[in-house]
């Protein structure tokens, strides 16, 4: 699956032109597209998403359309409402214009998943590996838009190549996302052409394929988890059905102290109640006591086998009875 996470959108754009761009990207093999709305700080009091959830035209089959916002900022002190802005869009990207804002986007700001630099401009600071790798280790990806080189004048193209080489040198090709940012169909390139174009600027073919597939997919998945899970860590897909205990079965199967009752047995059509071992022992002791109390004198001695007590049926008497 291929991704293009930067399809420019504006409220004044013709829907016919947007339909042509989306259809052409779909024919080239891009499955997931993100309509990008670019705004600048400070944010308005009422944050709304002007991009419609469903376009006015029919989308090509198997095309997933997302809504993205890119914020251009130069002062990191004005980012206190970025969380509200992130909840209104599917993807939030930052476009810093100063070194202070760039360092904040790489190290401290947590609401975004993309850093998209305008490489047609010349920056007054060098691209050092330390802030770049700090952002990559935090899960933030850097976006390179190839239409900034293919659809601009010579001066902008020169700055783009210089900036792209600086990013590739600082990141060693890791954590990159390649998008189009094409405002027309003439600025769009096929995936193979994009990989070859990035290879000319020093990005290996494997890294170029990752920048079109694996890395943007990670951005989309992470942004979705942030909005649907608990603190971006636990995502509850299905809570399951709640188990309801049966009061009747619980009453029949358990006693007062939670012990299991013994089931009754049925013999010849008659239900014989079953007793516990403790109850059987108690009944046995009671029967023994009743037997002791009801046996008088000699019979009691016979029962207990007291020595020296005469037995009416001794062996001699038994023999005499047999002779007589």
C-alpha atoms as a PDB file:
ATOM      1  CA  UNK A   1       0.000   0.000   0.000  1.00  0.00           C
ATOM      2  CA  UNK A   2       1.333   3.420  -1.047  1.00  0.00           C
ATOM      3  CA  UNK A   3       0.646   6.731   0.665  1.00  0.00           C
ATOM      4  CA  UNK A   4       0.594  10.387  -0.318  1.00  0.00           C
ATOM      5  CA  UNK A   5       0.017  12.385   2.841  1.00  0.00           C
ATOM      6  CA  UNK A   6       0.170  15.841   1.282  1.00  0.00           C
ATOM      7  CA  UNK A   7      -2.509  16.701  -1.256  1.00  0.00           C
ATOM      8  CA  UNK A   8      -3.021  20.488  -0.973  1.00  0.00           C
ATOM      9  CA  UNK A   9      -6.568  21.613  -0.214  1.00  0.00           C
ATOM     10  CA  UNK A  10      -8.101  25.074   0.048  1.00  0.00           C
ATOM     11  CA  UNK A  11     -11.612  26.417   0.308  1.00  0.00           C
ATOM     12  CA  UNK A  12     -11.207  28.238  -3.025  1.00  0.00           C
ATOM     13  CA  UNK A  13     -10.010  25.148  -4.882  1.00  0.00           C
ATOM     14  CA  UNK A  14     -12.173  23.780  -7.644  1.00  0.00           C
ATOM     15  CA  UNK A  15     -13.742  20.427  -6.841  1.00  0.00           C
ATOM     16  CA  UNK A  16     -13.148  19.322 -10.430  1.00  0.00           C
ATOM     17  CA  UNK A  17      -9.406  19.941 -10.114  1.00  0.00           C
ATOM     18  CA  UNK A  18      -9.288  18.106  -6.782  1.00  0.00           C
ATOM     19  CA  UNK A  19     -11.141  15.182  -8.335  1.00  0.00           C
ATOM     20  CA  UNK A  20      -8.606  15.011 -11.159  1.00  0.00           C
ATOM     21  CA  UNK A  21      -5.693  14.983  -8.700  1.00  0.00           C
ATOM     22  CA  UNK A  22      -7.222  12.236  -6.546  1.00  0.00           C
ATOM     23  CA  UNK A  23      -8.157  10.116  -9.571  1.00  0.00           C
ATOM     24  CA  UNK A  24      -4.671  10.426 -11.081  1.00  0.00           C
ATOM     25  CA  UNK A  25      -2.999   9.501  -7.782  1.00  0.00           C
ATOM     26  CA  UNK A  26      -5.283   6.483  -7.489  1.00  0.00           C
ATOM     27  CA  UNK A  27      -4.410   5.344 -11.018  1.00  0.00           C
ATOM     28  CA  UNK A  28      -0.705   5.540 -10.156  1.00  0.00           C
ATOM     29  CA  UNK A  29      -1.202   3.185  -7.190  1.00  0.00           C
ATOM     30  CA  UNK A  30      -1.540   5.538  -4.214  1.00  0.00           C
ATOM     31  CA  UNK A  31      -4.212   4.042  -1.943  1.00  0.00           C
ATOM     32  CA  UNK A  32      -4.245   6.412   1.049  1.00  0.00           C
ATOM     33  CA  UNK A  33      -4.366  10.163   0.452  1.00  0.00           C
ATOM     34  CA  UNK A  34      -4.441  13.051   2.916  1.00  0.00           C
ATOM     35  CA  UNK A  35      -6.018  16.401   2.049  1.00  0.00           C
ATOM     36  CA  UNK A  36      -3.771  19.064   3.588  1.00  0.00           C
ATOM     37  CA  UNK A  37      -5.023  22.348   5.011  1.00  0.00           C
ATOM     38  CA  UNK A  38      -2.191  24.791   5.822  1.00  0.00           C
ATOM     39  CA  UNK A  39      -2.722  27.400   8.549  1.00  0.00           C
ATOM     40  CA  UNK A  40      -0.540  29.788  10.519  1.00  0.00           C
ATOM     41  CA  UNK A  41      -0.378  30.681  14.202  1.00  0.00           C
ATOM     42  CA  UNK A  42      -2.021  32.078  16.258  1.00  0.00           C
ATOM     43  CA  UNK A  43      -4.995  29.748  16.106  1.00  0.00           C
ATOM     44  CA  UNK A  44      -8.542  31.130  15.944  1.00  0.00           C
ATOM     45  CA  UNK A  45     -10.794  31.003  18.979  1.00  0.00           C
ATOM     46  CA  UNK A  46     -13.122  28.475  17.362  1.00  0.00           C
ATOM     47  CA  UNK A  47     -11.193  25.536  15.915  1.00  0.00           C
ATOM     48  CA  UNK A  48     -13.084  23.778  13.134  1.00  0.00           C
ATOM     49  CA  UNK A  49     -12.102  21.473  10.310  1.00  0.00           C
ATOM     50  CA  UNK A  50     -13.137  23.024   6.990  1.00  0.00           C
ATOM     51  CA  UNK A  51     -12.284  19.884   4.983  1.00  0.00           C
ATOM     52  CA  UNK A  52     -15.514  17.926   4.345  1.00  0.00           C
ATOM     53  CA  UNK A  53     -15.611  14.351   5.588  1.00  0.00           C
ATOM     54  CA  UNK A  54     -17.035  13.164   2.265  1.00  0.00           C
ATOM     55  CA  UNK A  55     -16.199  15.020  -0.958  1.00  0.00           C
ATOM     56  CA  UNK A  56     -18.853  16.162  -3.383  1.00  0.00           C
ATOM     57  CA  UNK A  57     -17.627  13.705  -6.019  1.00  0.00           C
ATOM     58  CA  UNK A  58     -17.246   9.930  -6.099  1.00  0.00           C
ATOM     59  CA  UNK A  59     -13.919   8.576  -4.903  1.00  0.00           C
ATOM     60  CA  UNK A  60     -12.061   5.890  -6.848  1.00  0.00           C
ATOM     61  CA  UNK A  61     -12.469   2.371  -5.430  1.00  0.00           C
ATOM     62  CA  UNK A  62     -10.115   1.303  -2.619  1.00  0.00           C
ATOM     63  CA  UNK A  63      -9.092   4.913  -1.942  1.00  0.00           C
ATOM     64  CA  UNK A  64      -8.857   6.033   1.671  1.00  0.00           C
ATOM     65  CA  UNK A  65      -9.122   9.782   2.204  1.00  0.00           C
ATOM     66  CA  UNK A  66      -7.752  11.466   5.347  1.00  0.00           C
ATOM     67  CA  UNK A  67      -7.771  15.055   6.611  1.00  0.00           C
ATOM     68  CA  UNK A  68      -4.532  16.724   7.586  1.00  0.00           C
ATOM     69  CA  UNK A  69      -3.498  20.096   8.983  1.00  0.00           C
ATOM     70  CA  UNK A  70      -0.046  21.673   8.593  1.00  0.00           C
ATOM     71  CA  UNK A  71       0.785  24.496  11.002  1.00  0.00           C
ATOM     72  CA  UNK A  72       3.422  27.050  10.072  1.00  0.00           C
ATOM     73  CA  UNK A  73       4.961  28.525  13.209  1.00  0.00           C
ATOM     74  CA  UNK A  74       8.055  30.447  14.198  1.00  0.00           C
ATOM     75  CA  UNK A  75       7.496  30.872  17.951  1.00  0.00           C
ATOM     76  CA  UNK A  76       7.129  27.660  20.028  1.00  0.00           C
ATOM     77  CA  UNK A  77       5.419  29.636  22.806  1.00  0.00           C
ATOM     78  CA  UNK A  78       2.219  29.787  20.711  1.00  0.00           C
ATOM     79  CA  UNK A  79       1.586  26.032  20.645  1.00  0.00           C
ATOM     80  CA  UNK A  80      -0.656  25.805  23.724  1.00  0.00           C
ATOM     81  CA  UNK A  81      -3.766  24.906  21.681  1.00  0.00           C
ATOM     82  CA  UNK A  82      -2.272  22.351  19.340  1.00  0.00           C
ATOM     83  CA  UNK A  83      -3.997  19.504  21.196  1.00  0.00           C
ATOM     84  CA  UNK A  84      -7.419  20.933  20.302  1.00  0.00           C
ATOM     85  CA  UNK A  85      -6.313  21.305  16.707  1.00  0.00           C
ATOM     86  CA  UNK A  86      -4.986  17.738  16.579  1.00  0.00           C
ATOM     87  CA  UNK A  87      -8.338  16.320  17.718  1.00  0.00           C
ATOM     88  CA  UNK A  88     -10.097  17.990  14.766  1.00  0.00           C
ATOM     89  CA  UNK A  89      -7.895  16.387  12.081  1.00  0.00           C
ATOM     90  CA  UNK A  90      -6.604  12.913  11.287  1.00  0.00           C
ATOM     91  CA  UNK A  91      -2.968  14.034  10.953  1.00  0.00           C
ATOM     92  CA  UNK A  92      -1.171  17.059  12.404  1.00  0.00           C
ATOM     93  CA  UNK A  93       2.110  18.297  10.879  1.00  0.00           C
ATOM     94  CA  UNK A  94       4.345  21.201  11.848  1.00  0.00           C
ATOM     95  CA  UNK A  95       6.317  23.423   9.468  1.00  0.00           C
ATOM     96  CA  UNK A  96       8.849  25.389  11.531  1.00  0.00           C
ATOM     97  CA  UNK A  97      10.502  28.433   9.970  1.00  0.00           C
ATOM     98  CA  UNK A  98      13.108  29.272  12.636  1.00  0.00           C
ATOM     99  CA  UNK A  99      15.780  27.282  14.452  1.00  0.00           C
ATOM    100  CA  UNK A 100      14.039  27.748  17.806  1.00  0.00           C
ATOM    101  CA  UNK A 101      10.766  26.421  16.432  1.00  0.00           C
ATOM    102  CA  UNK A 102      12.563  23.546  14.702  1.00  0.00           C
ATOM    103  CA  UNK A 103      14.280  22.418  17.927  1.00  0.00           C
ATOM    104  CA  UNK A 104      10.990  22.623  19.808  1.00  0.00           C
ATOM    105  CA  UNK A 105       9.252  20.517  17.153  1.00  0.00           C
ATOM    106  CA  UNK A 106      12.017  17.903  17.388  1.00  0.00           C
ATOM    107  CA  UNK A 107      12.319  17.669  21.160  1.00  0.00           C
ATOM    108  CA  UNK A 108       9.412  19.099  23.190  1.00  0.00           C
ATOM    109  CA  UNK A 109       6.173  19.399  21.184  1.00  0.00           C
ATOM    110  CA  UNK A 110       4.158  16.160  21.372  1.00  0.00           C
ATOM    111  CA  UNK A 111       0.930  16.752  19.408  1.00  0.00           C
ATOM    112  CA  UNK A 112       2.325  16.164  15.897  1.00  0.00           C
ATOM    113  CA  UNK A 113       3.664  13.165  13.976  1.00  0.00           C
ATOM    114  CA  UNK A 114       5.198  14.932  10.967  1.00  0.00           C
ATOM    115  CA  UNK A 115       7.709  17.722  10.461  1.00  0.00           C
ATOM    116  CA  UNK A 116       7.348  19.135   6.965  1.00  0.00           C
ATOM    117  CA  UNK A 117       9.972  21.691   5.988  1.00  0.00           C
ATOM    118  CA  UNK A 118       9.596  24.135   3.120  1.00  0.00           C
ATOM    119  CA  UNK A 119      12.843  23.219   1.398  1.00  0.00           C
ATOM    120  CA  UNK A 120      12.412  25.904  -1.265  1.00  0.00           C
ATOM    121  CA  UNK A 121      13.452  28.447   1.379  1.00  0.00           C
ATOM    122  CA  UNK A 122      17.009  28.882   2.556  1.00  0.00           C
ATOM    123  CA  UNK A 123      17.373  28.217   6.303  1.00  0.00           C
ATOM    124  CA  UNK A 124      19.730  30.213   8.478  1.00  0.00           C
ATOM    125  CA  UNK A 125      20.721  27.151  10.550  1.00  0.00           C
ATOM    126  CA  UNK A 126      22.481  23.912   9.748  1.00  0.00           C
ATOM    127  CA  UNK A 127      20.788  20.516   9.783  1.00  0.00           C
ATOM    128  CA  UNK A 128      22.595  18.652  12.575  1.00  0.00           C
ATOM    129  CA  UNK A 129      22.007  14.939  13.238  1.00  0.00           C
ATOM    130  CA  UNK A 130      21.250  15.304  16.966  1.00  0.00           C
ATOM    131  CA  UNK A 131      17.803  17.018  16.773  1.00  0.00           C
ATOM    132  CA  UNK A 132      16.823  14.943  13.753  1.00  0.00           C
ATOM    133  CA  UNK A 133      17.589  11.643  15.450  1.00  0.00           C
ATOM    134  CA  UNK A 134      15.945  12.817  18.678  1.00  0.00           C
ATOM    135  CA  UNK A 135      12.724  13.360  16.723  1.00  0.00           C
ATOM    136  CA  UNK A 136      13.027  10.008  14.909  1.00  0.00           C
ATOM    137  CA  UNK A 137      13.484   8.192  18.210  1.00  0.00           C
ATOM    138  CA  UNK A 138      10.283   9.867  19.460  1.00  0.00           C
ATOM    139  CA  UNK A 139       8.341   8.477  16.490  1.00  0.00           C
ATOM    140  CA  UNK A 140       8.241  11.728  14.491  1.00  0.00           C
ATOM    141  CA  UNK A 141       8.854  11.540  10.746  1.00  0.00           C
ATOM    142  CA  UNK A 142      10.323  14.147   8.368  1.00  0.00           C
ATOM    143  CA  UNK A 143       8.490  14.870   5.148  1.00  0.00           C
ATOM    144  CA  UNK A 144      10.095  15.665   1.788  1.00  0.00           C
ATOM    145  CA  UNK A 145       7.716  16.966  -0.887  1.00  0.00           C
ATOM    146  CA  UNK A 146       9.133  16.362  -4.368  1.00  0.00           C
ATOM    147  CA  UNK A 147       6.776  18.823  -6.107  1.00  0.00           C
ATOM    148  CA  UNK A 148       8.748  21.634  -4.474  1.00  0.00           C
ATOM    149  CA  UNK A 149      11.544  20.762  -6.917  1.00  0.00           C
ATOM    150  CA  UNK A 150       9.576  19.725  -9.988  1.00  0.00           C
ATOM    151  CA  UNK A 151       7.116  22.638 -10.089  1.00  0.00           C
ATOM    152  CA  UNK A 152       9.246  25.581  -8.922  1.00  0.00           C
ATOM    153  CA  UNK A 153      11.809  27.905 -10.456  1.00  0.00           C
ATOM    154  CA  UNK A 154      15.553  27.277 -10.590  1.00  0.00           C
ATOM    155  CA  UNK A 155      16.380  29.096  -7.341  1.00  0.00           C
ATOM    156  CA  UNK A 156      13.777  27.132  -5.368  1.00  0.00           C
ATOM    157  CA  UNK A 157      14.994  23.889  -6.958  1.00  0.00           C
ATOM    158  CA  UNK A 158      18.550  24.666  -5.877  1.00  0.00           C
ATOM    159  CA  UNK A 159      17.486  25.288  -2.287  1.00  0.00           C
ATOM    160  CA  UNK A 160      15.402  22.097  -2.330  1.00  0.00           C
ATOM    161  CA  UNK A 161      18.313  19.929  -3.427  1.00  0.00           C
ATOM    162  CA  UNK A 162      20.590  21.500  -0.817  1.00  0.00           C
ATOM    163  CA  UNK A 163      18.008  21.017   1.943  1.00  0.00           C
ATOM    164  CA  UNK A 164      17.238  17.432   0.896  1.00  0.00           C
ATOM    165  CA  UNK A 165      20.926  16.527   0.983  1.00  0.00           C
ATOM    166  CA  UNK A 166      21.177  18.037   4.464  1.00  0.00           C
ATOM    167  CA  UNK A 167      18.197  15.980   5.708  1.00  0.00           C
ATOM    168  CA  UNK A 168      19.539  12.761   4.154  1.00  0.00           C
ATOM    169  CA  UNK A 169      22.934  13.373   5.682  1.00  0.00           C
ATOM    170  CA  UNK A 170      21.496  14.103   9.152  1.00  0.00           C
ATOM    171  CA  UNK A 171      19.071  11.153   9.230  1.00  0.00           C
ATOM    172  CA  UNK A 172      20.995   8.610   7.117  1.00  0.00           C
ATOM    173  CA  UNK A 173      17.722   7.956   5.305  1.00  0.00           C
ATOM    174  CA  UNK A 174      15.791   6.953   8.449  1.00  0.00           C
ATOM    175  CA  UNK A 175      12.368   8.275   9.422  1.00  0.00           C
ATOM    176  CA  UNK A 176      11.525   9.905   6.071  1.00  0.00           C
ATOM    177  CA  UNK A 177       8.147  10.319   4.389  1.00  0.00           C
ATOM    178  CA  UNK A 178       7.980  11.340   0.732  1.00  0.00           C
ATOM    179  CA  UNK A 179       4.841  13.157  -0.420  1.00  0.00           C
ATOM    180  CA  UNK A 180       3.878  15.151  -3.482  1.00  0.00           C
ATOM    181  CA  UNK A 181       2.375  18.495  -2.363  1.00  0.00           C
ATOM    182  CA  UNK A 182       1.357  18.884  -5.981  1.00  0.00           C
ATOM    183  CA  UNK A 183      -1.266  21.508  -6.724  1.00  0.00           C
ATOM    184  CA  UNK A 184      -1.963  19.971 -10.138  1.00  0.00           C
ATOM    185  CA  UNK A 185      -1.685  16.689 -11.990  1.00  0.00           C
ATOM    186  CA  UNK A 186       1.494  17.865 -13.763  1.00  0.00           C
ATOM    187  CA  UNK A 187       3.429  17.801 -10.501  1.00  0.00           C
ATOM    188  CA  UNK A 188       2.512  14.205  -9.613  1.00  0.00           C
ATOM    189  CA  UNK A 189       4.999  11.397 -10.210  1.00  0.00           C
ATOM    190  CA  UNK A 190       4.615   7.637 -10.223  1.00  0.00           C
ATOM    191  CA  UNK A 191       6.114   5.673  -7.291  1.00  0.00           C
ATOM    192  CA  UNK A 192       8.983   4.302  -9.373  1.00  0.00           C
ATOM    193  CA  UNK A 193       9.847   7.795 -10.606  1.00  0.00           C
ATOM    194  CA  UNK A 194       9.816   9.117  -7.032  1.00  0.00           C
ATOM    195  CA  UNK A 195      12.188   6.371  -5.884  1.00  0.00           C
ATOM    196  CA  UNK A 196      14.554   7.083  -8.778  1.00  0.00           C
ATOM    197  CA  UNK A 197      14.386  10.826  -8.145  1.00  0.00           C
ATOM    198  CA  UNK A 198      15.257  10.373  -4.477  1.00  0.00           C
ATOM    199  CA  UNK A 199      18.051   7.982  -5.424  1.00  0.00           C
ATOM    200  CA  UNK A 200      19.634  10.775  -7.487  1.00  0.00           C
ATOM    201  CA  UNK A 201      19.777  12.879  -4.329  1.00  0.00           C
ATOM    202  CA  UNK A 202      21.355  10.077  -2.293  1.00  0.00           C
ATOM    203  CA  UNK A 203      18.445   8.064  -0.838  1.00  0.00           C
ATOM    204  CA  UNK A 204      18.809   4.310  -1.315  1.00  0.00           C
ATOM    205  CA  UNK A 205      16.083   2.403  -3.103  1.00  0.00           C
ATOM    206  CA  UNK A 206      15.028   0.437   0.005  1.00  0.00           C
ATOM    207  CA  UNK A 207      14.738   3.643   2.028  1.00  0.00           C
ATOM    208  CA  UNK A 208      12.790   5.252  -0.794  1.00  0.00           C
ATOM    209  CA  UNK A 209      10.232   2.428  -0.791  1.00  0.00           C
ATOM    210  CA  UNK A 210       9.912   2.724   2.991  1.00  0.00           C
ATOM    211  CA  UNK A 211       9.313   6.472   2.624  1.00  0.00           C
ATOM    212  CA  UNK A 212       6.321   5.726   0.372  1.00  0.00           C
ATOM    213  CA  UNK A 213       4.843   2.793   2.301  1.00  0.00           C
ATOM    214  CA  UNK A 214       6.034   1.722   5.746  1.00  0.00           C
ATOM    215  CA  UNK A 215       6.878   5.111   7.266  1.00  0.00           C
ATOM    216  CA  UNK A 216       3.672   6.951   6.242  1.00  0.00           C
ATOM    217  CA  UNK A 217       1.649   3.945   7.328  1.00  0.00           C
ATOM    218  CA  UNK A 218       3.246   4.255  10.777  1.00  0.00           C
ATOM    219  CA  UNK A 219       2.223   7.919  10.880  1.00  0.00           C
ATOM    220  CA  UNK A 220      -1.400   7.104  10.036  1.00  0.00           C
ATOM    221  CA  UNK A 221      -1.583   4.252  12.558  1.00  0.00           C
ATOM    222  CA  UNK A 222       0.021   6.260  15.364  1.00  0.00           C
ATOM    223  CA  UNK A 223      -2.271   9.220  14.771  1.00  0.00           C
ATOM    224  CA  UNK A 224      -5.279   6.912  14.844  1.00  0.00           C
ATOM    225  CA  UNK A 225      -4.145   5.308  18.118  1.00  0.00           C
ATOM    226  CA  UNK A 226      -3.668   8.733  19.709  1.00  0.00           C
ATOM    227  CA  UNK A 227      -7.277   9.643  19.008  1.00  0.00           C
ATOM    228  CA  UNK A 228      -8.981   6.323  19.824  1.00  0.00           C
ATOM    229  CA  UNK A 229      -6.948   4.850  22.690  1.00  0.00           C
ATOM    230  CA  UNK A 230      -6.162   5.671  26.310  1.00  0.00           C
ATOM    231  CA  UNK A 231      -3.096   7.929  26.374  1.00  0.00           C
ATOM    232  CA  UNK A 232      -1.868   6.406  23.123  1.00  0.00           C
ATOM    233  CA  UNK A 233      -1.024   3.122  24.833  1.00  0.00           C
ATOM    234  CA  UNK A 234      -4.132   0.949  25.281  1.00  0.00           C
ATOM    235  CA  UNK A 235      -6.665   0.603  22.506  1.00  0.00           C
ATOM    236  CA  UNK A 236      -9.902  -1.183  23.471  1.00  0.00           C
ATOM    237  CA  UNK A 237     -11.256  -2.828  20.332  1.00  0.00           C
ATOM    238  CA  UNK A 238     -14.128  -4.825  21.920  1.00  0.00           C
ATOM    239  CA  UNK A 239     -15.050  -4.780  25.568  1.00  0.00           C
ATOM    240  CA  UNK A 240     -16.973  -8.055  25.296  1.00  0.00           C
ATOM    241  CA  UNK A 241     -20.298  -8.978  26.864  1.00  0.00           C
ATOM    242  CA  UNK A 242     -20.900  -8.480  30.560  1.00  0.00           C
ATOM    243  CA  UNK A 243     -21.527 -11.723  32.438  1.00  0.00           C
ATOM    244  CA  UNK A 244     -24.773 -11.705  34.424  1.00  0.00           C
ATOM    245  CA  UNK A 245     -24.997 -14.215  37.271  1.00  0.00           C
ATOM    246  CA  UNK A 246     -28.164 -16.276  37.659  1.00  0.00           C
ATOM    247  CA  UNK A 247     -29.576 -15.699  41.141  1.00  0.00           C
ATOM    248  CA  UNK A 248     -31.422 -19.020  41.156  1.00  0.00           C
ATOM    249  CA  UNK A 249     -28.406 -21.118  40.181  1.00  0.00           C
ATOM    250  CA  UNK A 250     -26.235 -19.259  42.673  1.00  0.00           C
ATOM    251  CA  UNK A 251     -28.752 -19.914  45.443  1.00  0.00           C
ATOM    252  CA  UNK A 252     -29.027 -23.606  44.594  1.00  0.00           C
ATOM    253  CA  UNK A 253     -25.313 -24.226  44.214  1.00  0.00           C
ATOM    254  CA  UNK A 254     -23.941 -22.316  47.194  1.00  0.00           C
ATOM    255  CA  UNK A 255     -24.676 -22.064  50.907  1.00  0.00           C
ATOM    256  CA  UNK A 256     -24.426 -19.092  53.151  1.00  0.00           C
ATOM    257  CA  UNK A 257     -20.645 -19.328  53.373  1.00  0.00           C
ATOM    258  CA  UNK A 258     -20.123 -20.053  49.707  1.00  0.00           C
ATOM    259  CA  UNK A 259     -19.803 -23.856  50.119  1.00  0.00           C
ATOM    260  CA  UNK A 260     -21.239 -26.172  47.540  1.00  0.00           C
ATOM    261  CA  UNK A 261     -24.350 -28.060  48.506  1.00  0.00           C
ATOM    262  CA  UNK A 262     -24.612 -31.821  47.908  1.00  0.00           C
ATOM    263  CA  UNK A 263     -27.166 -32.748  45.275  1.00  0.00           C
ATOM    264  CA  UNK A 264     -30.017 -35.103  46.186  1.00  0.00           C
ATOM    265  CA  UNK A 265     -30.193 -38.610  44.669  1.00  0.00           C
ATOM    266  CA  UNK A 266     -33.233 -40.301  43.214  1.00  0.00           C
ATOM    267  CA  UNK A 267     -33.683 -44.051  43.911  1.00  0.00           C
ATOM    268  CA  UNK A 268     -36.736 -45.953  42.609  1.00  0.00           C
ATOM    269  CA  UNK A 269     -38.565 -42.727  42.008  1.00  0.00           C
ATOM    270  CA  UNK A 270     -37.947 -41.452  45.529  1.00  0.00           C
ATOM    271  CA  UNK A 271     -35.681 -38.516  46.236  1.00  0.00           C
ATOM    272  CA  UNK A 272     -33.211 -39.346  49.004  1.00  0.00           C
ATOM    273  CA  UNK A 273     -31.645 -36.259  50.539  1.00  0.00           C
ATOM    274  CA  UNK A 274     -27.869 -36.387  50.799  1.00  0.00           C
ATOM    275  CA  UNK A 275     -26.108 -35.209  53.939  1.00  0.00           C
ATOM    276  CA  UNK A 276     -22.614 -33.953  54.491  1.00  0.00           C
ATOM    277  CA  UNK A 277     -19.876 -35.869  56.304  1.00  0.00           C
ATOM    278  CA  UNK A 278     -20.125 -33.595  59.325  1.00  0.00           C
ATOM    279  CA  UNK A 279     -23.854 -34.144  59.597  1.00  0.00           C
ATOM    280  CA  UNK A 280     -23.443 -37.913  59.170  1.00  0.00           C
ATOM    281  CA  UNK A 281     -20.858 -38.006  61.966  1.00  0.00           C
ATOM    282  CA  UNK A 282     -23.146 -36.025  64.244  1.00  0.00           C
ATOM    283  CA  UNK A 283     -26.061 -38.386  63.585  1.00  0.00           C
ATOM    284  CA  UNK A 284     -23.830 -41.394  64.257  1.00  0.00           C
ATOM    285  CA  UNK A 285     -22.773 -39.993  67.652  1.00  0.00           C
ATOM    286  CA  UNK A 286     -26.380 -39.287  68.579  1.00  0.00           C
ATOM    287  CA  UNK A 287     -27.390 -42.839  67.641  1.00  0.00           C
ATOM    288  CA  UNK A 288     -24.574 -44.263  69.781  1.00  0.00           C
ATOM    289  CA  UNK A 289     -25.645 -42.180  72.769  1.00  0.00           C
ATOM    290  CA  UNK A 290     -29.251 -43.317  72.419  1.00  0.00           C
ATOM    291  CA  UNK A 291     -28.078 -46.943  72.270  1.00  0.00           C
ATOM    292  CA  UNK A 292     -26.043 -46.520  75.455  1.00  0.00           C
ATOM    293  CA  UNK A 293     -28.956 -44.932  77.305  1.00  0.00           C
ATOM    294  CA  UNK A 294     -31.501 -47.572  76.235  1.00  0.00           C
ATOM    295  CA  UNK A 295     -29.359 -50.764  77.090  1.00  0.00           C
ATOM    296  CA  UNK A 296     -29.923 -51.838  80.789  1.00  0.00           C
ATOM    297  CA  UNK A 297     -27.375 -53.612  83.079  1.00  0.00           C
ATOM    298  CA  UNK A 298     -26.242 -56.876  81.500  1.00  0.00           C
ATOM    299  CA  UNK A 299     -27.058 -55.893  77.986  1.00  0.00           C
ATOM    300  CA  UNK A 300     -24.978 -52.753  78.447  1.00  0.00           C
ATOM    301  CA  UNK A 301     -22.056 -54.919  79.690  1.00  0.00           C
ATOM    302  CA  UNK A 302     -22.458 -57.173  76.679  1.00  0.00           C
ATOM    303  CA  UNK A 303     -22.439 -54.228  74.418  1.00  0.00           C
ATOM    304  CA  UNK A 304     -19.276 -52.811  75.910  1.00  0.00           C
ATOM    305  CA  UNK A 305     -17.656 -56.264  76.569  1.00  0.00           C
ATOM    306  CA  UNK A 306     -16.913 -55.741  80.325  1.00  0.00           C
ATOM    307  CA  UNK A 307     -14.629 -58.588  81.584  1.00  0.00           C
ATOM    308  CA  UNK A 308     -15.962 -60.840  84.403  1.00  0.00           C
ATOM    309  CA  UNK A 309     -19.568 -60.361  83.433  1.00  0.00           C
ATOM    310  CA  UNK A 310     -21.461 -63.705  83.021  1.00  0.00           C
ATOM    311  CA  UNK A 311     -22.733 -64.492  79.584  1.00  0.00           C
ATOM    312  CA  UNK A 312     -25.974 -66.424  79.489  1.00  0.00           C
ATOM    313  CA  UNK A 313     -24.918 -68.269  76.364  1.00  0.00           C
ATOM    314  CA  UNK A 314     -21.559 -69.697  77.386  1.00  0.00           C
ATOM    315  CA  UNK A 315     -20.023 -72.552  75.377  1.00  0.00           C
ATOM    316  CA  UNK A 316     -20.853 -75.146  78.165  1.00  0.00           C
ATOM    317  CA  UNK A 317     -24.510 -74.213  78.294  1.00  0.00           C
ATOM    318  CA  UNK A 318     -24.676 -74.292  74.544  1.00  0.00           C
ATOM    319  CA  UNK A 319     -23.243 -77.858  74.580  1.00  0.00           C
ATOM    320  CA  UNK A 320     -25.719 -79.065  77.250  1.00  0.00           C
ATOM    321  CA  UNK A 321     -28.568 -77.676  75.239  1.00  0.00           C
ATOM    322  CA  UNK A 322     -27.369 -79.555  72.204  1.00  0.00           C
ATOM    323  CA  UNK A 323     -27.063 -82.937  74.225  1.00  0.00           C
ATOM    324  CA  UNK A 324     -30.473 -82.503  75.828  1.00  0.00           C
END
